[in-house]
Amino acid sequence: MMESGPIDQPKPQQQMWCEKKQTAVHEEIKRMNQLPANSAYGMHRLKRTVSQEQQLELLFAGLSL
């Protein structure tokens, strides 16, 4: 019996969403890097953004297996 295609591959819409989210994260990091080094808001946002980026990296690593 032949299957119509791989089951585990992400749908194009999901892949596009992941790419858009990753682009948004990188743009936010660029904006935060333009703030003064002692900006509490910038430090808070970068910590949260780095955490989200790490989660995305883990997600992408899982998808590539």
PDB file of N, CA and C in Angstrom:
ATOM      1  N   MET A   1       0.845  -1.173   0.000  1.00  0.00           N
ATOM      2  CA  MET A   1       0.000   0.000   0.000  1.00  0.00           C
ATOM      3  C   MET A   1       0.895   1.242   0.000  1.00  0.00           C
ATOM      4  N   MET A   2       0.643   2.168  -0.903  1.00  0.00           N
ATOM      5  CA  MET A   2       1.445   3.390  -1.033  1.00  0.00           C
ATOM      6  C   MET A   2       0.752   4.522  -0.274  1.00  0.00           C
ATOM      7  N   GLU A   3       1.568   5.301   0.409  1.00  0.00           N
ATOM      8  CA  GLU A   3       1.040   6.478   1.091  1.00  0.00           C
ATOM      9  C   GLU A   3       1.138   7.673   0.158  1.00  0.00           C
ATOM     10  N   SER A   4       0.279   8.644   0.363  1.00  0.00           N
ATOM     11  CA  SER A   4       0.264   9.798  -0.529  1.00  0.00           C
ATOM     12  C   SER A   4       1.409  10.763  -0.260  1.00  0.00           C
ATOM     13  N   GLY A   5       2.057  10.676   0.887  1.00  0.00           N
ATOM     14  CA  GLY A   5       3.168  11.578   1.189  1.00  0.00           C
ATOM     15  C   GLY A   5       3.619  11.419   2.619  1.00  0.00           C
ATOM     16  N   PRO A   6       4.734  12.034   2.937  1.00  0.00           N
ATOM     17  CA  PRO A   6       5.242  11.949   4.307  1.00  0.00           C
ATOM     18  C   PRO A   6       4.260  12.566   5.294  1.00  0.00           C
ATOM     19  N   ILE A   7       4.070  11.902   6.403  1.00  0.00           N
ATOM     20  CA  ILE A   7       3.106  12.356   7.405  1.00  0.00           C
ATOM     21  C   ILE A   7       3.716  13.407   8.325  1.00  0.00           C
ATOM     22  N   ASP A   8       4.986  13.267   8.657  1.00  0.00           N
ATOM     23  CA  ASP A   8       5.621  14.105   9.665  1.00  0.00           C
ATOM     24  C   ASP A   8       6.075  15.468   9.167  1.00  0.00           C
ATOM     25  N   GLN A   9       6.015  15.735   7.886  1.00  0.00           N
ATOM     26  CA  GLN A   9       6.487  17.024   7.386  1.00  0.00           C
ATOM     27  C   GLN A   9       5.458  18.108   7.677  1.00  0.00           C
ATOM     28  N   PRO A  10       5.933  19.313   8.054  1.00  0.00           N
ATOM     29  CA  PRO A  10       4.997  20.396   8.354  1.00  0.00           C
ATOM     30  C   PRO A  10       4.265  20.858   7.100  1.00  0.00           C
ATOM     31  N   LYS A  11       3.064  21.327   7.316  1.00  0.00           N
ATOM     32  CA  LYS A  11       2.296  21.885   6.209  1.00  0.00           C
ATOM     33  C   LYS A  11       2.932  23.203   5.789  1.00  0.00           C
ATOM     34  N   PRO A  12       2.801  23.585   4.527  1.00  0.00           N
ATOM     35  CA  PRO A  12       3.394  24.857   4.072  1.00  0.00           C
ATOM     36  C   PRO A  12       2.944  26.052   4.912  1.00  0.00           C
ATOM     37  N   GLN A  13       1.698  26.072   5.359  1.00  0.00           N
ATOM     38  CA  GLN A  13       1.212  27.190   6.174  1.00  0.00           C
ATOM     39  C   GLN A  13       1.946  27.247   7.504  1.00  0.00           C
ATOM     40  N   GLN A  14       2.172  26.086   8.125  1.00  0.00           N
ATOM     41  CA  GLN A  14       2.881  26.049   9.399  1.00  0.00           C
ATOM     42  C   GLN A  14       4.321  26.492   9.213  1.00  0.00           C
ATOM     43  N   GLN A  15       4.949  26.046   8.143  1.00  0.00           N
ATOM     44  CA  GLN A  15       6.334  26.420   7.877  1.00  0.00           C
ATOM     45  C   GLN A  15       6.427  27.924   7.648  1.00  0.00           C
ATOM     46  N   MET A  16       5.475  28.482   6.900  1.00  0.00           N
ATOM     47  CA  MET A  16       5.469  29.920   6.638  1.00  0.00           C
ATOM     48  C   MET A  16       5.285  30.687   7.947  1.00  0.00           C
ATOM     49  N   TRP A  17       4.414  30.187   8.820  1.00  0.00           N
ATOM     50  CA  TRP A  17       4.185  30.831  10.107  1.00  0.00           C
ATOM     51  C   TRP A  17       5.463  30.827  10.932  1.00  0.00           C
ATOM     52  N   CYS A  18       6.185  29.699  10.950  1.00  0.00           N
ATOM     53  CA  CYS A  18       7.442  29.602  11.710  1.00  0.00           C
ATOM     54  C   CYS A  18       8.480  30.585  11.169  1.00  0.00           C
ATOM     55  N   GLU A  19       8.561  30.702   9.854  1.00  0.00           N
ATOM     56  CA  GLU A  19       9.520  31.630   9.247  1.00  0.00           C
ATOM     57  C   GLU A  19       9.173  33.067   9.606  1.00  0.00           C
ATOM     58  N   LYS A  20       7.877  33.402   9.574  1.00  0.00           N
ATOM     59  CA  LYS A  20       7.452  34.757   9.925  1.00  0.00           C
ATOM     60  C   LYS A  20       7.745  35.053  11.391  1.00  0.00           C
ATOM     61  N   LYS A  21       7.504  34.074  12.247  1.00  0.00           N
ATOM     62  CA  LYS A  21       7.763  34.272  13.677  1.00  0.00           C
ATOM     63  C   LYS A  21       9.252  34.453  13.931  1.00  0.00           C
ATOM     64  N   GLN A  22      10.084  33.660  13.277  1.00  0.00           N
ATOM     65  CA  GLN A  22      11.530  33.782  13.453  1.00  0.00           C
ATOM     66  C   GLN A  22      12.009  35.147  12.963  1.00  0.00           C
ATOM     67  N   THR A  23      11.481  35.614  11.852  1.00  0.00           N
ATOM     68  CA  THR A  23      11.837  36.934  11.333  1.00  0.00           C
ATOM     69  C   THR A  23      11.425  38.018  12.325  1.00  0.00           C
ATOM     70  N   ALA A  24      10.235  37.888  12.895  1.00  0.00           N
ATOM     71  CA  ALA A  24       9.761  38.872  13.869  1.00  0.00           C
ATOM     72  C   ALA A  24      10.652  38.898  15.104  1.00  0.00           C
ATOM     73  N   VAL A  25      11.099  37.727  15.545  1.00  0.00           N
ATOM     74  CA  VAL A  25      11.983  37.654  16.713  1.00  0.00           C
ATOM     75  C   VAL A  25      13.293  38.365  16.429  1.00  0.00           C
ATOM     76  N   HIS A  26      13.867  38.121  15.259  1.00  0.00           N
ATOM     77  CA  HIS A  26      15.139  38.760  14.915  1.00  0.00           C
ATOM     78  C   HIS A  26      14.987  40.273  14.768  1.00  0.00           C
ATOM     79  N   GLU A  27      13.866  40.735  14.218  1.00  0.00           N
ATOM     80  CA  GLU A  27      13.632  42.176  14.105  1.00  0.00           C
ATOM     81  C   GLU A  27      13.506  42.816  15.487  1.00  0.00           C
ATOM     82  N   GLU A  28      12.833  42.118  16.403  1.00  0.00           N
ATOM     83  CA  GLU A  28      12.693  42.632  17.770  1.00  0.00           C
ATOM     84  C   GLU A  28      14.056  42.725  18.453  1.00  0.00           C
ATOM     85  N   ILE A  29      14.904  41.739  18.252  1.00  0.00           N
ATOM     86  CA  ILE A  29      16.250  41.770  18.834  1.00  0.00           C
ATOM     87  C   ILE A  29      17.024  42.968  18.300  1.00  0.00           C
ATOM     88  N   LYS A  30      16.917  43.228  17.004  1.00  0.00           N
ATOM     89  CA  LYS A  30      17.610  44.386  16.416  1.00  0.00           C
ATOM     90  C   LYS A  30      17.125  45.687  17.051  1.00  0.00           C
ATOM     91  N   ARG A  31      15.798  45.816  17.243  1.00  0.00           N
ATOM     92  CA  ARG A  31      15.251  47.032  17.859  1.00  0.00           C
ATOM     93  C   ARG A  31      15.745  47.191  19.295  1.00  0.00           C
ATOM     94  N   MET A  32      15.769  46.106  20.039  1.00  0.00           N
ATOM     95  CA  MET A  32      16.204  46.172  21.434  1.00  0.00           C
ATOM     96  C   MET A  32      17.691  46.489  21.542  1.00  0.00           C
ATOM     97  N   ASN A  33      18.481  46.032  20.579  1.00  0.00           N
ATOM     98  CA  ASN A  33      19.917  46.326  20.596  1.00  0.00           C
ATOM     99  C   ASN A  33      20.198  47.804  20.347  1.00  0.00           C
ATOM    100  N   GLN A  34      19.235  48.546  19.808  1.00  0.00           N
ATOM    101  CA  GLN A  34      19.414  49.972  19.564  1.00  0.00           C
ATOM    102  C   GLN A  34      19.145  50.808  20.818  1.00  0.00           C
ATOM    103  N   LEU A  35      18.549  50.198  21.844  1.00  0.00           N
ATOM    104  CA  LEU A  35      18.286  50.914  23.094  1.00  0.00           C
ATOM    105  C   LEU A  35      19.581  51.071  23.887  1.00  0.00           C
ATOM    106  N   PRO A  36      19.619  52.015  24.825  1.00  0.00           N
ATOM    107  CA  PRO A  36      20.810  52.160  25.675  1.00  0.00           C
ATOM    108  C   PRO A  36      21.094  50.864  26.439  1.00  0.00           C
ATOM    109  N   ALA A  37      22.370  50.619  26.729  1.00  0.00           N
ATOM    110  CA  ALA A  37      22.780  49.371  27.386  1.00  0.00           C
ATOM    111  C   ALA A  37      22.146  49.201  28.763  1.00  0.00           C
ATOM    112  N   ASN A  38      21.851  50.310  29.441  1.00  0.00           N
ATOM    113  CA  ASN A  38      21.282  50.215  30.789  1.00  0.00           C
ATOM    114  C   ASN A  38      19.754  50.292  30.789  1.00  0.00           C
ATOM    115  N   SER A  39      19.126  50.092  29.671  1.00  0.00           N
ATOM    116  CA  SER A  39      17.673  50.153  29.571  1.00  0.00           C
ATOM    117  C   SER A  39      17.052  48.893  30.182  1.00  0.00           C
ATOM    118  N   ALA A  40      16.283  49.076  31.265  1.00  0.00           N
ATOM    119  CA  ALA A  40      15.638  47.934  31.919  1.00  0.00           C
ATOM    120  C   ALA A  40      14.645  47.269  30.964  1.00  0.00           C
ATOM    121  N   TYR A  41      13.912  48.080  30.203  1.00  0.00           N
ATOM    122  CA  TYR A  41      12.954  47.526  29.246  1.00  0.00           C
ATOM    123  C   TYR A  41      13.665  46.670  28.204  1.00  0.00           C
ATOM    124  N   GLY A  42      14.770  47.186  27.685  1.00  0.00           N
ATOM    125  CA  GLY A  42      15.523  46.444  26.675  1.00  0.00           C
ATOM    126  C   GLY A  42      16.059  45.129  27.213  1.00  0.00           C
ATOM    127  N   MET A  43      16.604  45.152  28.432  1.00  0.00           N
ATOM    128  CA  MET A  43      17.133  43.918  29.026  1.00  0.00           C
ATOM    129  C   MET A  43      16.018  42.902  29.235  1.00  0.00           C
ATOM    130  N   HIS A  44      14.866  43.368  29.721  1.00  0.00           N
ATOM    131  CA  HIS A  44      13.730  42.470  29.940  1.00  0.00           C
ATOM    132  C   HIS A  44      13.264  41.848  28.628  1.00  0.00           C
ATOM    133  N   ARG A  45      13.117  42.666  27.607  1.00  0.00           N
ATOM    134  CA  ARG A  45      12.645  42.169  26.309  1.00  0.00           C
ATOM    135  C   ARG A  45      13.641  41.208  25.675  1.00  0.00           C
ATOM    136  N   LEU A  46      14.935  41.508  25.777  1.00  0.00           N
ATOM    137  CA  LEU A  46      15.939  40.626  25.187  1.00  0.00           C
ATOM    138  C   LEU A  46      15.966  39.275  25.891  1.00  0.00           C
ATOM    139  N   LYS A  47      15.824  39.263  27.193  1.00  0.00           N
ATOM    140  CA  LYS A  47      15.805  37.993  27.917  1.00  0.00           C
ATOM    141  C   LYS A  47      14.626  37.154  27.460  1.00  0.00           C
ATOM    142  N   ARG A  48      13.476  37.774  27.354  1.00  0.00           N
ATOM    143  CA  ARG A  48      12.294  37.039  26.928  1.00  0.00           C
ATOM    144  C   ARG A  48      12.435  36.600  25.480  1.00  0.00           C
ATOM    145  N   THR A  49      12.969  37.432  24.644  1.00  0.00           N
ATOM    146  CA  THR A  49      13.121  37.114  23.231  1.00  0.00           C
ATOM    147  C   THR A  49      14.134  35.995  23.027  1.00  0.00           C
ATOM    148  N   VAL A  50      15.233  36.018  23.763  1.00  0.00           N
ATOM    149  CA  VAL A  50      16.232  34.963  23.645  1.00  0.00           C
ATOM    150  C   VAL A  50      15.616  33.634  24.056  1.00  0.00           C
ATOM    151  N   SER A  51      14.813  33.650  25.107  1.00  0.00           N
ATOM    152  CA  SER A  51      14.142  32.435  25.557  1.00  0.00           C
ATOM    153  C   SER A  51      13.217  31.897  24.469  1.00  0.00           C
ATOM    154  N   GLN A  52      12.467  32.781  23.848  1.00  0.00           N
ATOM    155  CA  GLN A  52      11.571  32.366  22.773  1.00  0.00           C
ATOM    156  C   GLN A  52      12.364  31.839  21.585  1.00  0.00           C
ATOM    157  N   GLU A  53      13.489  32.456  21.285  1.00  0.00           N
ATOM    158  CA  GLU A  53      14.313  31.999  20.174  1.00  0.00           C
ATOM    159  C   GLU A  53      14.872  30.605  20.455  1.00  0.00           C
ATOM    160  N   GLN A  54      15.257  30.350  21.701  1.00  0.00           N
ATOM    161  CA  GLN A  54      15.755  29.025  22.060  1.00  0.00           C
ATOM    162  C   GLN A  54      14.660  27.981  21.878  1.00  0.00           C
ATOM    163  N   GLN A  55      13.434  28.337  22.237  1.00  0.00           N
ATOM    164  CA  GLN A  55      12.320  27.415  22.040  1.00  0.00           C
ATOM    165  C   GLN A  55      12.114  27.138  20.558  1.00  0.00           C
ATOM    166  N   LEU A  56      12.233  28.153  19.729  1.00  0.00           N
ATOM    167  CA  LEU A  56      12.110  27.956  18.288  1.00  0.00           C
ATOM    168  C   LEU A  56      13.213  27.057  17.751  1.00  0.00           C
ATOM    169  N   GLU A  57      14.434  27.253  18.231  1.00  0.00           N
ATOM    170  CA  GLU A  57      15.550  26.416  17.793  1.00  0.00           C
ATOM    171  C   GLU A  57      15.294  24.956  18.145  1.00  0.00           C
ATOM    172  N   LEU A  58      14.771  24.706  19.351  1.00  0.00           N
ATOM    173  CA  LEU A  58      14.447  23.338  19.742  1.00  0.00           C
ATOM    174  C   LEU A  58      13.350  22.767  18.849  1.00  0.00           C
ATOM    175  N   LEU A  59      12.379  23.595  18.520  1.00  0.00           N
ATOM    176  CA  LEU A  59      11.306  23.160  17.636  1.00  0.00           C
ATOM    177  C   LEU A  59      11.850  22.805  16.263  1.00  0.00           C
ATOM    178  N   PHE A  60      12.693  23.664  15.698  1.00  0.00           N
ATOM    179  CA  PHE A  60      13.271  23.395  14.383  1.00  0.00           C
ATOM    180  C   PHE A  60      14.153  22.157  14.409  1.00  0.00           C
ATOM    181  N   ALA A  61      14.903  21.966  15.501  1.00  0.00           N
ATOM    182  CA  ALA A  61      15.757  20.780  15.615  1.00  0.00           C
ATOM    183  C   ALA A  61      14.899  19.521  15.628  1.00  0.00           C
ATOM    184  N   GLY A  62      13.769  19.581  16.304  1.00  0.00           N
ATOM    185  CA  GLY A  62      12.858  18.434  16.340  1.00  0.00           C
ATOM    186  C   GLY A  62      12.228  18.161  14.989  1.00  0.00           C
ATOM    187  N   LEU A  63      11.960  19.197  14.223  1.00  0.00           N
ATOM    188  CA  LEU A  63      11.350  19.016  12.904  1.00  0.00           C
ATOM    189  C   LEU A  63      12.327  18.437  11.896  1.00  0.00           C
ATOM    190  N   SER A  64      13.613  18.678  12.100  1.00  0.00           N
ATOM    191  CA  SER A  64      14.596  18.231  11.111  1.00  0.00           C
ATOM    192  C   SER A  64      15.016  16.782  11.313  1.00  0.00           C
ATOM    193  N   LEU A  65      14.585  16.150  12.411  1.00  0.00           N
ATOM    194  CA  LEU A  65      14.974  14.757  12.667  1.00  0.00           C
ATOM    195  C   LEU A  65      14.347  13.805  11.719  1.00  0.00           C
TER     196      LEU A  65
END
